[in-house]
């Protein structure tokens, strides 16, 4: 009877790695979004498209 008993242990390392990688991807995406916002903020988008050429 003891021979048929098996202990099932989940693979915490693999689950933790996936969770950790997902968190890092999320952090990197937030950093990239912030960097892009700063870069776009450096540009002046106040274009004057009036009929100046007439």
PDB file of N, CA and C in Angstrom:
ATOM      1  N   UNK A   1       0.821  -1.190   0.000  1.00  0.00           N
ATOM      2  CA  UNK A   1       0.000   0.000   0.000  1.00  0.00           C
ATOM      3  C   UNK A   1       0.866   1.255   0.000  1.00  0.00           C
ATOM      4  N   UNK A   2       1.935   1.270   0.743  1.00  0.00           N
ATOM      5  CA  UNK A   2       2.808   2.422   0.810  1.00  0.00           C
ATOM      6  C   UNK A   2       3.475   2.708  -0.534  1.00  0.00           C
ATOM      7  N   UNK A   3       3.647   1.684  -1.331  1.00  0.00           N
ATOM      8  CA  UNK A   3       4.298   1.848  -2.624  1.00  0.00           C
ATOM      9  C   UNK A   3       3.449   2.677  -3.586  1.00  0.00           C
ATOM     10  N   UNK A   4       2.134   2.620  -3.432  1.00  0.00           N
ATOM     11  CA  UNK A   4       1.263   3.328  -4.351  1.00  0.00           C
ATOM     12  C   UNK A   4       1.037   4.797  -3.948  1.00  0.00           C
ATOM     13  N   UNK A   5       1.475   5.176  -2.778  1.00  0.00           N
ATOM     14  CA  UNK A   5       1.304   6.554  -2.327  1.00  0.00           C
ATOM     15  C   UNK A   5       2.420   7.408  -2.924  1.00  0.00           C
ATOM     16  N   UNK A   6       2.020   8.446  -3.602  1.00  0.00           N
ATOM     17  CA  UNK A   6       3.013   9.366  -4.158  1.00  0.00           C
ATOM     18  C   UNK A   6       2.697  10.763  -3.646  1.00  0.00           C
ATOM     19  N   UNK A   7       3.726  11.487  -3.411  1.00  0.00           N
ATOM     20  CA  UNK A   7       3.543  12.858  -2.974  1.00  0.00           C
ATOM     21  C   UNK A   7       3.624  13.758  -4.196  1.00  0.00           C
ATOM     22  N   UNK A   8       2.579  14.502  -4.396  1.00  0.00           N
ATOM     23  CA  UNK A   8       2.564  15.427  -5.522  1.00  0.00           C
ATOM     24  C   UNK A   8       2.891  16.820  -5.006  1.00  0.00           C
ATOM     25  N   UNK A   9       3.978  17.328  -5.479  1.00  0.00           N
ATOM     26  CA  UNK A   9       4.356  18.684  -5.089  1.00  0.00           C
ATOM     27  C   UNK A   9       4.328  19.548  -6.335  1.00  0.00           C
ATOM     28  N   UNK A  10       3.695  20.689  -6.258  1.00  0.00           N
ATOM     29  CA  UNK A  10       3.690  21.588  -7.407  1.00  0.00           C
ATOM     30  C   UNK A  10       5.092  22.137  -7.655  1.00  0.00           C
ATOM     31  N   UNK A  11       5.326  22.544  -8.871  1.00  0.00           N
ATOM     32  CA  UNK A  11       6.634  23.091  -9.225  1.00  0.00           C
ATOM     33  C   UNK A  11       6.628  24.596  -8.942  1.00  0.00           C
ATOM     34  N   UNK A  12       6.950  24.994  -7.720  1.00  0.00           N
ATOM     35  CA  UNK A  12       6.870  26.411  -7.372  1.00  0.00           C
ATOM     36  C   UNK A  12       7.896  27.258  -8.130  1.00  0.00           C
ATOM     37  N   UNK A  13       9.026  26.671  -8.454  1.00  0.00           N
ATOM     38  CA  UNK A  13      10.058  27.443  -9.143  1.00  0.00           C
ATOM     39  C   UNK A  13       9.574  27.912 -10.503  1.00  0.00           C
ATOM     40  N   UNK A  14       8.945  27.029 -11.243  1.00  0.00           N
ATOM     41  CA  UNK A  14       8.465  27.387 -12.576  1.00  0.00           C
ATOM     42  C   UNK A  14       7.346  28.431 -12.483  1.00  0.00           C
ATOM     43  N   UNK A  15       6.447  28.244 -11.540  1.00  0.00           N
ATOM     44  CA  UNK A  15       5.347  29.192 -11.359  1.00  0.00           C
ATOM     45  C   UNK A  15       5.882  30.555 -10.921  1.00  0.00           C
ATOM     46  N   UNK A  16       6.843  30.557 -10.034  1.00  0.00           N
ATOM     47  CA  UNK A  16       7.421  31.816  -9.571  1.00  0.00           C
ATOM     48  C   UNK A  16       8.150  32.522 -10.707  1.00  0.00           C
ATOM     49  N   UNK A  17       8.853  31.730 -11.541  1.00  0.00           N
ATOM     50  CA  UNK A  17       9.579  32.335 -12.662  1.00  0.00           C
ATOM     51  C   UNK A  17       8.626  32.996 -13.637  1.00  0.00           C
ATOM     52  N   UNK A  18       7.514  32.323 -13.943  1.00  0.00           N
ATOM     53  CA  UNK A  18       6.533  32.902 -14.862  1.00  0.00           C
ATOM     54  C   UNK A  18       5.958  34.187 -14.273  1.00  0.00           C
ATOM     55  N   UNK A  19       5.636  34.147 -12.995  1.00  0.00           N
ATOM     56  CA  UNK A  19       5.071  35.313 -12.329  1.00  0.00           C
ATOM     57  C   UNK A  19       6.089  36.450 -12.316  1.00  0.00           C
ATOM     58  N   UNK A  20       7.324  36.113 -12.007  1.00  0.00           N
ATOM     59  CA  UNK A  20       8.385  37.120 -11.939  1.00  0.00           C
ATOM     60  C   UNK A  20       8.636  37.722 -13.316  1.00  0.00           C
ATOM     61  N   UNK A  21       8.686  36.885 -14.349  1.00  0.00           N
ATOM     62  CA  UNK A  21       8.898  37.385 -15.705  1.00  0.00           C
ATOM     63  C   UNK A  21       7.742  38.270 -16.148  1.00  0.00           C
ATOM     64  N   UNK A  22       6.536  37.883 -15.807  1.00  0.00           N
ATOM     65  CA  UNK A  22       5.364  38.683 -16.165  1.00  0.00           C
ATOM     66  C   UNK A  22       5.392  40.042 -15.493  1.00  0.00           C
ATOM     67  N   UNK A  23       5.807  40.063 -14.240  1.00  0.00           N
ATOM     68  CA  UNK A  23       5.896  41.329 -13.508  1.00  0.00           C
ATOM     69  C   UNK A  23       6.955  42.221 -14.132  1.00  0.00           C
ATOM     70  N   UNK A  24       8.099  41.636 -14.514  1.00  0.00           N
ATOM     71  CA  UNK A  24       9.151  42.439 -15.125  1.00  0.00           C
ATOM     72  C   UNK A  24       8.702  42.987 -16.465  1.00  0.00           C
ATOM     73  N   UNK A  25       7.966  42.186 -17.234  1.00  0.00           N
ATOM     74  CA  UNK A  25       7.456  42.674 -18.511  1.00  0.00           C
ATOM     75  C   UNK A  25       6.503  43.845 -18.288  1.00  0.00           C
ATOM     76  N   UNK A  26       5.684  43.743 -17.259  1.00  0.00           N
ATOM     77  CA  UNK A  26       4.742  44.818 -16.943  1.00  0.00           C
ATOM     78  C   UNK A  26       5.493  46.079 -16.512  1.00  0.00           C
ATOM     79  N   UNK A  27       6.520  45.912 -15.691  1.00  0.00           N
ATOM     80  CA  UNK A  27       7.326  47.050 -15.251  1.00  0.00           C
ATOM     81  C   UNK A  27       8.022  47.698 -16.435  1.00  0.00           C
ATOM     82  N   UNK A  28       8.588  46.891 -17.317  1.00  0.00           N
ATOM     83  CA  UNK A  28       9.269  47.427 -18.497  1.00  0.00           C
ATOM     84  C   UNK A  28       8.290  48.168 -19.401  1.00  0.00           C
ATOM     85  N   UNK A  29       7.077  47.675 -19.533  1.00  0.00           N
ATOM     86  CA  UNK A  29       6.062  48.342 -20.358  1.00  0.00           C
ATOM     87  C   UNK A  29       5.697  49.699 -19.756  1.00  0.00           C
ATOM     88  N   UNK A  30       5.584  49.765 -18.432  1.00  0.00           N
ATOM     89  CA  UNK A  30       5.276  51.029 -17.761  1.00  0.00           C
ATOM     90  C   UNK A  30       6.423  52.014 -17.953  1.00  0.00           C
ATOM     91  N   UNK A  31       7.661  51.529 -17.821  1.00  0.00           N
ATOM     92  CA  UNK A  31       8.825  52.400 -18.018  1.00  0.00           C
ATOM     93  C   UNK A  31       8.869  52.923 -19.453  1.00  0.00           C
ATOM     94  N   UNK A  32       8.598  52.056 -20.417  1.00  0.00           N
ATOM     95  CA  UNK A  32       8.612  52.461 -21.826  1.00  0.00           C
ATOM     96  C   UNK A  32       7.525  53.488 -22.104  1.00  0.00           C
ATOM     97  N   UNK A  33       6.357  53.297 -21.517  1.00  0.00           N
ATOM     98  CA  UNK A  33       5.258  54.245 -21.697  1.00  0.00           C
ATOM     99  C   UNK A  33       5.630  55.607 -21.114  1.00  0.00           C
ATOM    100  N   UNK A  34       6.274  55.600 -19.955  1.00  0.00           N
ATOM    101  CA  UNK A  34       6.709  56.841 -19.320  1.00  0.00           C
ATOM    102  C   UNK A  34       7.783  57.527 -20.160  1.00  0.00           C
ATOM    103  N   UNK A  35       8.728  56.742 -20.679  1.00  0.00           N
ATOM    104  CA  UNK A  35       9.792  57.295 -21.509  1.00  0.00           C
ATOM    105  C   UNK A  35       9.214  57.919 -22.772  1.00  0.00           C
ATOM    106  N   UNK A  36       8.264  57.254 -23.383  1.00  0.00           N
ATOM    107  CA  UNK A  36       7.625  57.760 -24.592  1.00  0.00           C
ATOM    108  C   UNK A  36       6.860  59.044 -24.305  1.00  0.00           C
ATOM    109  N   UNK A  37       6.166  59.097 -23.178  1.00  0.00           N
ATOM    110  CA  UNK A  37       5.425  60.306 -22.804  1.00  0.00           C
ATOM    111  C   UNK A  37       6.376  61.486 -22.614  1.00  0.00           C
ATOM    112  N   UNK A  38       7.520  61.241 -21.971  1.00  0.00           N
ATOM    113  CA  UNK A  38       8.513  62.303 -21.785  1.00  0.00           C
ATOM    114  C   UNK A  38       9.066  62.760 -23.127  1.00  0.00           C
ATOM    115  N   UNK A  39       9.354  61.805 -24.010  1.00  0.00           N
ATOM    116  CA  UNK A  39       9.900  62.136 -25.323  1.00  0.00           C
ATOM    117  C   UNK A  39       8.897  62.940 -26.141  1.00  0.00           C
ATOM    118  N   UNK A  40       7.647  62.547 -26.107  1.00  0.00           N
ATOM    119  CA  UNK A  40       6.626  63.282 -26.851  1.00  0.00           C
ATOM    120  C   UNK A  40       6.377  64.651 -26.230  1.00  0.00           C
ATOM    121  N   UNK A  41       6.554  64.770 -24.933  1.00  0.00           N
ATOM    122  CA  UNK A  41       6.384  66.043 -24.264  1.00  0.00           C
ATOM    123  C   UNK A  41       7.452  67.053 -24.651  1.00  0.00           C
ATOM    124  N   UNK A  42       8.573  66.554 -25.153  1.00  0.00           N
ATOM    125  CA  UNK A  42       9.663  67.437 -25.555  1.00  0.00           C
ATOM    126  C   UNK A  42       9.367  68.125 -26.885  1.00  0.00           C
ATOM    127  N   UNK A  43       8.435  67.613 -27.651  1.00  0.00           N
ATOM    128  CA  UNK A  43       8.103  68.195 -28.951  1.00  0.00           C
ATOM    129  C   UNK A  43       7.010  69.240 -28.804  1.00  0.00           C
ATOM    130  N   UNK A  44       7.042  70.221 -29.680  1.00  0.00           N
ATOM    131  CA  UNK A  44       6.030  71.273 -29.692  1.00  0.00           C
ATOM    132  C   UNK A  44       5.022  70.944 -30.788  1.00  0.00           C
ATOM    133  N   UNK A  45       3.811  70.618 -30.408  1.00  0.00           N
ATOM    134  CA  UNK A  45       2.783  70.233 -31.377  1.00  0.00           C
ATOM    135  C   UNK A  45       1.814  71.377 -31.664  1.00  0.00           C
ATOM    136  N   UNK A  46       2.221  72.592 -31.440  1.00  0.00           N
ATOM    137  CA  UNK A  46       1.365  73.743 -31.693  1.00  0.00           C
ATOM    138  C   UNK A  46       1.603  74.259 -33.108  1.00  0.00           C
ATOM    139  N   UNK A  47       1.197  73.471 -34.066  1.00  0.00           N
ATOM    140  CA  UNK A  47       1.367  73.852 -35.460  1.00  0.00           C
ATOM    141  C   UNK A  47       0.280  74.834 -35.857  1.00  0.00           C
ATOM    142  N   UNK A  48       0.644  75.754 -36.686  1.00  0.00           N
ATOM    143  CA  UNK A  48      -0.313  76.718 -37.195  1.00  0.00           C
ATOM    144  C   UNK A  48      -0.572  76.402 -38.656  1.00  0.00           C
ATOM    145  N   UNK A  49      -1.717  75.843 -38.950  1.00  0.00           N
ATOM    146  CA  UNK A  49      -2.061  75.442 -40.295  1.00  0.00           C
ATOM    147  C   UNK A  49      -2.971  76.465 -40.978  1.00  0.00           C
ATOM    148  N   UNK A  50      -2.829  77.706 -40.610  1.00  0.00           N
ATOM    149  CA  UNK A  50      -3.646  78.732 -41.243  1.00  0.00           C
ATOM    150  C   UNK A  50      -3.136  79.004 -42.662  1.00  0.00           C
ATOM    151  N   UNK A  51      -3.839  79.784 -43.385  1.00  0.00           N
ATOM    152  CA  UNK A  51      -3.470  80.074 -44.778  1.00  0.00           C
ATOM    153  C   UNK A  51      -2.434  81.181 -44.826  1.00  0.00           C
ATOM    154  N   UNK A  52      -1.226  80.890 -44.401  1.00  0.00           N
ATOM    155  CA  UNK A  52      -0.146  81.871 -44.390  1.00  0.00           C
ATOM    156  C   UNK A  52       0.463  82.068 -45.791  1.00  0.00           C
ATOM    157  N   UNK A  53       0.325  81.086 -46.648  1.00  0.00           N
ATOM    158  CA  UNK A  53       0.961  81.117 -47.965  1.00  0.00           C
ATOM    159  C   UNK A  53       0.191  81.941 -48.978  1.00  0.00           C
ATOM    160  N   UNK A  54      -0.969  82.446 -48.665  1.00  0.00           N
ATOM    161  CA  UNK A  54      -1.784  83.188 -49.634  1.00  0.00           C
ATOM    162  C   UNK A  54      -1.249  84.544 -49.891  1.00  0.00           C
TER     163      UNK A  54
END
